[in-house]
């Protein structure tokens, strides 16, 4: 013998809003994670013939040490 019982479920407007927030937050988190790991993702799918931008270091006037004024006599 099996007894069948009716189960009542209730979803209010707050539940729908929470589900929507979970979806939007999940997409935002995925976007931030992709932005953080973009070079690694690009390296996996890339061909490897791109030059690395950090290999050459250039010094600008703002990075150079300031010249000291020599005392004039």
PDB file of N, CA and C in Angstrom:
ATOM      1  N   UNK A   1       0.810  -1.178   0.000  1.00  0.00           N
ATOM      2  CA  UNK A   1       0.000   0.000   0.000  1.00  0.00           C
ATOM      3  C   UNK A   1       0.865   1.257   0.000  1.00  0.00           C
ATOM      4  N   UNK A   2       0.537   2.147  -0.866  1.00  0.00           N
ATOM      5  CA  UNK A   2       1.239   3.417  -0.963  1.00  0.00           C
ATOM      6  C   UNK A   2       0.246   4.535  -0.709  1.00  0.00           C
ATOM      7  N   UNK A   3       0.666   5.474   0.129  1.00  0.00           N
ATOM      8  CA  UNK A   3      -0.225   6.596   0.384  1.00  0.00           C
ATOM      9  C   UNK A   3       0.284   7.819  -0.375  1.00  0.00           C
ATOM     10  N   UNK A   4      -0.575   8.496  -1.038  1.00  0.00           N
ATOM     11  CA  UNK A   4      -0.238   9.706  -1.770  1.00  0.00           C
ATOM     12  C   UNK A   4      -0.740  10.901  -0.987  1.00  0.00           C
ATOM     13  N   UNK A   5       0.182  11.841  -0.771  1.00  0.00           N
ATOM     14  CA  UNK A   5      -0.196  13.049  -0.056  1.00  0.00           C
ATOM     15  C   UNK A   5       0.094  14.253  -0.946  1.00  0.00           C
ATOM     16  N   UNK A   6      -0.727  15.236  -0.836  1.00  0.00           N
ATOM     17  CA  UNK A   6      -0.522  16.458  -1.591  1.00  0.00           C
ATOM     18  C   UNK A   6       0.459  17.344  -0.842  1.00  0.00           C
ATOM     19  N   UNK A   7       1.486  17.797  -1.567  1.00  0.00           N
ATOM     20  CA  UNK A   7       2.475  18.695  -0.981  1.00  0.00           C
ATOM     21  C   UNK A   7       2.234  20.081  -1.544  1.00  0.00           C
ATOM     22  N   UNK A   8       2.109  21.030  -0.679  1.00  0.00           N
ATOM     23  CA  UNK A   8       1.880  22.408  -1.098  1.00  0.00           C
ATOM     24  C   UNK A   8       3.198  23.170  -1.072  1.00  0.00           C
ATOM     25  N   UNK A   9       3.533  23.839  -2.145  1.00  0.00           N
ATOM     26  CA  UNK A   9       4.756  24.640  -2.222  1.00  0.00           C
ATOM     27  C   UNK A   9       4.355  26.079  -2.537  1.00  0.00           C
ATOM     28  N   UNK A  10       5.098  27.004  -2.011  1.00  0.00           N
ATOM     29  CA  UNK A  10       4.775  28.409  -2.184  1.00  0.00           C
ATOM     30  C   UNK A  10       6.043  29.167  -2.527  1.00  0.00           C
ATOM     31  N   UNK A  11       6.036  29.885  -3.628  1.00  0.00           N
ATOM     32  CA  UNK A  11       7.126  30.773  -4.002  1.00  0.00           C
ATOM     33  C   UNK A  11       6.575  32.192  -4.033  1.00  0.00           C
ATOM     34  N   UNK A  12       7.103  33.034  -3.208  1.00  0.00           N
ATOM     35  CA  UNK A  12       6.639  34.422  -3.208  1.00  0.00           C
ATOM     36  C   UNK A  12       7.521  35.273  -4.113  1.00  0.00           C
ATOM     37  N   UNK A  13       7.217  36.537  -4.194  1.00  0.00           N
ATOM     38  CA  UNK A  13       7.956  37.446  -5.076  1.00  0.00           C
ATOM     39  C   UNK A  13       9.416  37.570  -4.654  1.00  0.00           C
ATOM     40  N   UNK A  14       9.699  37.465  -3.387  1.00  0.00           N
ATOM     41  CA  UNK A  14      11.082  37.540  -2.904  1.00  0.00           C
ATOM     42  C   UNK A  14      11.930  36.388  -3.406  1.00  0.00           C
ATOM     43  N   UNK A  15      11.330  35.215  -3.599  1.00  0.00           N
ATOM     44  CA  UNK A  15      12.072  34.066  -4.110  1.00  0.00           C
ATOM     45  C   UNK A  15      12.517  34.308  -5.547  1.00  0.00           C
ATOM     46  N   UNK A  16      11.647  34.853  -6.356  1.00  0.00           N
ATOM     47  CA  UNK A  16      12.012  35.159  -7.740  1.00  0.00           C
ATOM     48  C   UNK A  16      13.109  36.199  -7.813  1.00  0.00           C
ATOM     49  N   UNK A  17      13.043  37.197  -6.954  1.00  0.00           N
ATOM     50  CA  UNK A  17      14.062  38.232  -6.916  1.00  0.00           C
ATOM     51  C   UNK A  17      15.404  37.642  -6.484  1.00  0.00           C
ATOM     52  N   UNK A  18      15.377  36.743  -5.543  1.00  0.00           N
ATOM     53  CA  UNK A  18      16.616  36.115  -5.070  1.00  0.00           C
ATOM     54  C   UNK A  18      17.241  35.253  -6.164  1.00  0.00           C
ATOM     55  N   UNK A  19      16.422  34.521  -6.899  1.00  0.00           N
ATOM     56  CA  UNK A  19      16.930  33.704  -7.991  1.00  0.00           C
ATOM     57  C   UNK A  19      17.556  34.595  -9.069  1.00  0.00           C
ATOM     58  N   UNK A  20      16.914  35.718  -9.385  1.00  0.00           N
ATOM     59  CA  UNK A  20      17.455  36.657 -10.363  1.00  0.00           C
ATOM     60  C   UNK A  20      18.789  37.232  -9.888  1.00  0.00           C
ATOM     61  N   UNK A  21      18.887  37.580  -8.611  1.00  0.00           N
ATOM     62  CA  UNK A  21      20.139  38.101  -8.062  1.00  0.00           C
ATOM     63  C   UNK A  21      21.240  37.056  -8.113  1.00  0.00           C
ATOM     64  N   UNK A  22      20.913  35.792  -7.862  1.00  0.00           N
ATOM     65  CA  UNK A  22      21.905  34.722  -7.953  1.00  0.00           C
ATOM     66  C   UNK A  22      22.436  34.589  -9.376  1.00  0.00           C
ATOM     67  N   UNK A  23      21.549  34.675 -10.367  1.00  0.00           N
ATOM     68  CA  UNK A  23      21.975  34.571 -11.763  1.00  0.00           C
ATOM     69  C   UNK A  23      22.862  35.747 -12.168  1.00  0.00           C
ATOM     70  N   UNK A  24      22.441  36.960 -11.832  1.00  0.00           N
ATOM     71  CA  UNK A  24      23.215  38.148 -12.185  1.00  0.00           C
ATOM     72  C   UNK A  24      24.566  38.133 -11.468  1.00  0.00           C
ATOM     73  N   UNK A  25      24.577  37.766 -10.197  1.00  0.00           N
ATOM     74  CA  UNK A  25      25.825  37.688  -9.445  1.00  0.00           C
ATOM     75  C   UNK A  25      26.761  36.621  -9.988  1.00  0.00           C
ATOM     76  N   UNK A  26      26.205  35.511 -10.426  1.00  0.00           N
ATOM     77  CA  UNK A  26      27.028  34.454 -11.019  1.00  0.00           C
ATOM     78  C   UNK A  26      27.692  34.902 -12.307  1.00  0.00           C
ATOM     79  N   UNK A  27      26.934  35.601 -13.166  1.00  0.00           N
ATOM     80  CA  UNK A  27      27.525  36.123 -14.397  1.00  0.00           C
ATOM     81  C   UNK A  27      28.594  37.181 -14.097  1.00  0.00           C
ATOM     82  N   UNK A  28      28.352  38.028 -13.103  1.00  0.00           N
ATOM     83  CA  UNK A  28      29.337  39.052 -12.739  1.00  0.00           C
ATOM     84  C   UNK A  28      30.611  38.404 -12.194  1.00  0.00           C
ATOM     85  N   UNK A  29      30.467  37.387 -11.352  1.00  0.00           N
ATOM     86  CA  UNK A  29      31.629  36.689 -10.802  1.00  0.00           C
ATOM     87  C   UNK A  29      32.411  35.982 -11.907  1.00  0.00           C
ATOM     88  N   UNK A  30      31.726  35.389 -12.855  1.00  0.00           N
ATOM     89  CA  UNK A  30      32.406  34.728 -13.975  1.00  0.00           C
ATOM     90  C   UNK A  30      33.173  35.750 -14.814  1.00  0.00           C
ATOM     91  N   UNK A  31      32.590  36.921 -15.013  1.00  0.00           N
ATOM     92  CA  UNK A  31      33.274  37.972 -15.772  1.00  0.00           C
ATOM     93  C   UNK A  31      34.523  38.471 -15.072  1.00  0.00           C
ATOM     94  N   UNK A  32      34.447  38.659 -13.761  1.00  0.00           N
ATOM     95  CA  UNK A  32      35.610  39.111 -12.995  1.00  0.00           C
ATOM     96  C   UNK A  32      36.697  38.039 -13.002  1.00  0.00           C
ATOM     97  N   UNK A  33      36.316  36.782 -12.858  1.00  0.00           N
ATOM     98  CA  UNK A  33      37.297  35.689 -12.883  1.00  0.00           C
ATOM     99  C   UNK A  33      37.984  35.612 -14.243  1.00  0.00           C
ATOM    100  N   UNK A  34      37.220  35.790 -15.323  1.00  0.00           N
ATOM    101  CA  UNK A  34      37.839  35.777 -16.655  1.00  0.00           C
ATOM    102  C   UNK A  34      38.790  36.944 -16.831  1.00  0.00           C
ATOM    103  N   UNK A  35      38.429  38.099 -16.293  1.00  0.00           N
ATOM    104  CA  UNK A  35      39.304  39.261 -16.413  1.00  0.00           C
ATOM    105  C   UNK A  35      40.603  39.034 -15.642  1.00  0.00           C
ATOM    106  N   UNK A  36      40.512  38.419 -14.470  1.00  0.00           N
ATOM    107  CA  UNK A  36      41.703  38.173 -13.659  1.00  0.00           C
ATOM    108  C   UNK A  36      42.638  37.155 -14.305  1.00  0.00           C
ATOM    109  N   UNK A  37      42.088  36.160 -14.946  1.00  0.00           N
ATOM    110  CA  UNK A  37      42.900  35.089 -15.512  1.00  0.00           C
ATOM    111  C   UNK A  37      42.958  35.145 -17.033  1.00  0.00           C
ATOM    112  N   UNK A  38      42.758  36.308 -17.645  1.00  0.00           N
ATOM    113  CA  UNK A  38      42.679  36.419 -19.094  1.00  0.00           C
ATOM    114  C   UNK A  38      43.981  35.993 -19.779  1.00  0.00           C
ATOM    115  N   UNK A  39      45.134  36.371 -19.217  1.00  0.00           N
ATOM    116  CA  UNK A  39      46.405  36.001 -19.849  1.00  0.00           C
ATOM    117  C   UNK A  39      46.594  34.488 -19.844  1.00  0.00           C
ATOM    118  N   UNK A  40      46.203  33.830 -18.769  1.00  0.00           N
ATOM    119  CA  UNK A  40      46.316  32.368 -18.713  1.00  0.00           C
ATOM    120  C   UNK A  40      45.366  31.714 -19.710  1.00  0.00           C
ATOM    121  N   UNK A  41      44.144  32.234 -19.787  1.00  0.00           N
ATOM    122  CA  UNK A  41      43.174  31.680 -20.735  1.00  0.00           C
ATOM    123  C   UNK A  41      43.663  31.908 -22.161  1.00  0.00           C
ATOM    124  N   UNK A  42      44.182  33.085 -22.432  1.00  0.00           N
ATOM    125  CA  UNK A  42      44.698  33.400 -23.765  1.00  0.00           C
ATOM    126  C   UNK A  42      45.912  32.532 -24.084  1.00  0.00           C
ATOM    127  N   UNK A  43      46.746  32.245 -23.103  1.00  0.00           N
ATOM    128  CA  UNK A  43      47.913  31.397 -23.312  1.00  0.00           C
ATOM    129  C   UNK A  43      47.546  29.964 -23.637  1.00  0.00           C
ATOM    130  N   UNK A  44      46.461  29.479 -23.066  1.00  0.00           N
ATOM    131  CA  UNK A  44      46.025  28.111 -23.338  1.00  0.00           C
ATOM    132  C   UNK A  44      45.569  27.984 -24.783  1.00  0.00           C
ATOM    133  N   UNK A  45      44.807  28.955 -25.261  1.00  0.00           N
ATOM    134  CA  UNK A  45      44.242  28.885 -26.603  1.00  0.00           C
ATOM    135  C   UNK A  45      45.083  29.597 -27.653  1.00  0.00           C
ATOM    136  N   UNK A  46      46.105  30.348 -27.222  1.00  0.00           N
ATOM    137  CA  UNK A  46      46.927  31.098 -28.168  1.00  0.00           C
ATOM    138  C   UNK A  46      47.931  30.216 -28.882  1.00  0.00           C
ATOM    139  N   UNK A  47      48.544  30.787 -29.919  1.00  0.00           N
ATOM    140  CA  UNK A  47      49.532  30.055 -30.702  1.00  0.00           C
ATOM    141  C   UNK A  47      50.926  30.167 -30.113  1.00  0.00           C
ATOM    142  N   UNK A  48      51.162  31.140 -29.249  1.00  0.00           N
ATOM    143  CA  UNK A  48      52.458  31.280 -28.607  1.00  0.00           C
ATOM    144  C   UNK A  48      53.439  32.154 -29.364  1.00  0.00           C
ATOM    145  N   UNK A  49      53.037  32.795 -30.467  1.00  0.00           N
ATOM    146  CA  UNK A  49      53.951  33.631 -31.230  1.00  0.00           C
ATOM    147  C   UNK A  49      53.827  35.111 -30.890  1.00  0.00           C
ATOM    148  N   UNK A  50      53.038  35.448 -29.889  1.00  0.00           N
ATOM    149  CA  UNK A  50      52.895  36.845 -29.476  1.00  0.00           C
ATOM    150  C   UNK A  50      54.063  37.247 -28.588  1.00  0.00           C
ATOM    151  N   UNK A  51      54.517  38.498 -28.738  1.00  0.00           N
ATOM    152  CA  UNK A  51      55.577  39.013 -27.877  1.00  0.00           C
ATOM    153  C   UNK A  51      54.974  39.449 -26.557  1.00  0.00           C
ATOM    154  N   UNK A  52      55.720  39.252 -25.480  1.00  0.00           N
ATOM    155  CA  UNK A  52      55.253  39.658 -24.159  1.00  0.00           C
ATOM    156  C   UNK A  52      55.532  41.135 -23.972  1.00  0.00           C
ATOM    157  N   UNK A  53      54.546  41.897 -23.545  1.00  0.00           N
ATOM    158  CA  UNK A  53      54.694  43.337 -23.376  1.00  0.00           C
ATOM    159  C   UNK A  53      55.628  43.700 -22.228  1.00  0.00           C
ATOM    160  N   UNK A  54      55.817  42.823 -21.263  1.00  0.00           N
ATOM    161  CA  UNK A  54      56.637  43.140 -20.096  1.00  0.00           C
ATOM    162  C   UNK A  54      58.101  42.836 -20.323  1.00  0.00           C
ATOM    163  N   UNK A  55      58.494  42.344 -21.507  1.00  0.00           N
ATOM    164  CA  UNK A  55      59.882  41.970 -21.740  1.00  0.00           C
ATOM    165  C   UNK A  55      60.770  43.196 -21.926  1.00  0.00           C
ATOM    166  N   UNK A  56      60.248  44.283 -22.437  1.00  0.00           N
ATOM    167  CA  UNK A  56      61.041  45.492 -22.623  1.00  0.00           C
ATOM    168  C   UNK A  56      60.643  46.510 -21.579  1.00  0.00           C
ATOM    169  N   UNK A  57      61.637  47.071 -20.938  1.00  0.00           N
ATOM    170  CA  UNK A  57      61.384  48.058 -19.895  1.00  0.00           C
ATOM    171  C   UNK A  57      61.856  49.397 -20.413  1.00  0.00           C
ATOM    172  N   UNK A  58      61.001  50.372 -20.387  1.00  0.00           N
ATOM    173  CA  UNK A  58      61.363  51.717 -20.812  1.00  0.00           C
ATOM    174  C   UNK A  58      61.304  52.631 -19.603  1.00  0.00           C
ATOM    175  N   UNK A  59      62.212  53.563 -19.578  1.00  0.00           N
ATOM    176  CA  UNK A  59      62.268  54.516 -18.472  1.00  0.00           C
ATOM    177  C   UNK A  59      61.768  55.855 -18.968  1.00  0.00           C
ATOM    178  N   UNK A  60      60.833  56.411 -18.258  1.00  0.00           N
ATOM    179  CA  UNK A  60      60.312  57.730 -18.610  1.00  0.00           C
ATOM    180  C   UNK A  60      60.923  58.765 -17.689  1.00  0.00           C
ATOM    181  N   UNK A  61      60.673  60.008 -17.979  1.00  0.00           N
ATOM    182  CA  UNK A  61      61.213  61.089 -17.165  1.00  0.00           C
ATOM    183  C   UNK A  61      60.681  61.019 -15.741  1.00  0.00           C
ATOM    184  N   UNK A  62      59.473  60.541 -15.584  1.00  0.00           N
ATOM    185  CA  UNK A  62      58.907  60.451 -14.234  1.00  0.00           C
ATOM    186  C   UNK A  62      59.582  59.346 -13.428  1.00  0.00           C
ATOM    187  N   UNK A  63      60.087  58.292 -14.105  1.00  0.00           N
ATOM    188  CA  UNK A  63      60.740  57.196 -13.406  1.00  0.00           C
ATOM    189  C   UNK A  63      62.205  57.480 -13.102  1.00  0.00           C
ATOM    190  N   UNK A  64      62.823  58.394 -13.855  1.00  0.00           N
ATOM    191  CA  UNK A  64      64.244  58.677 -13.685  1.00  0.00           C
ATOM    192  C   UNK A  64      64.472  59.454 -12.391  1.00  0.00           C
ATOM    193  N   UNK A  65      65.622  59.236 -11.749  1.00  0.00           N
ATOM    194  CA  UNK A  65      65.893  59.994 -10.522  1.00  0.00           C
ATOM    195  C   UNK A  65      66.082  61.474 -10.836  1.00  0.00           C
ATOM    196  N   UNK A  66      65.672  62.286  -9.931  1.00  0.00           N
ATOM    197  CA  UNK A  66      65.776  63.733 -10.118  1.00  0.00           C
ATOM    198  C   UNK A  66      67.237  64.161 -10.028  1.00  0.00           C
ATOM    199  N   UNK A  67      67.623  65.094 -10.895  1.00  0.00           N
ATOM    200  CA  UNK A  67      68.992  65.615 -10.857  1.00  0.00           C
ATOM    201  C   UNK A  67      69.091  66.626  -9.729  1.00  0.00           C
ATOM    202  N   UNK A  68      70.177  66.539  -9.024  1.00  0.00           N
ATOM    203  CA  UNK A  68      70.391  67.484  -7.924  1.00  0.00           C
ATOM    204  C   UNK A  68      71.037  68.756  -8.474  1.00  0.00           C
ATOM    205  N   UNK A  69      70.562  69.862  -7.976  1.00  0.00           N
ATOM    206  CA  UNK A  69      71.149  71.132  -8.407  1.00  0.00           C
ATOM    207  C   UNK A  69      72.489  71.302  -7.750  1.00  0.00           C
ATOM    208  N   UNK A  70      73.474  71.560  -8.584  1.00  0.00           N
ATOM    209  CA  UNK A  70      74.817  71.798  -8.066  1.00  0.00           C
ATOM    210  C   UNK A  70      74.868  73.221  -7.511  1.00  0.00           C
ATOM    211  N   UNK A  71      75.504  73.383  -6.352  1.00  0.00           N
ATOM    212  CA  UNK A  71      75.593  74.755  -5.805  1.00  0.00           C
ATOM    213  C   UNK A  71      76.481  75.611  -6.719  1.00  0.00           C
ATOM    214  N   UNK A  72      76.019  76.793  -6.963  1.00  0.00           N
ATOM    215  CA  UNK A  72      76.789  77.696  -7.814  1.00  0.00           C
ATOM    216  C   UNK A  72      77.655  78.580  -6.931  1.00  0.00           C
ATOM    217  N   UNK A  73      78.909  78.726  -7.338  1.00  0.00           N
ATOM    218  CA  UNK A  73      79.776  79.554  -6.529  1.00  0.00           C
ATOM    219  C   UNK A  73      80.209  80.789  -7.243  1.00  0.00           C
TER     220      UNK A  73
END
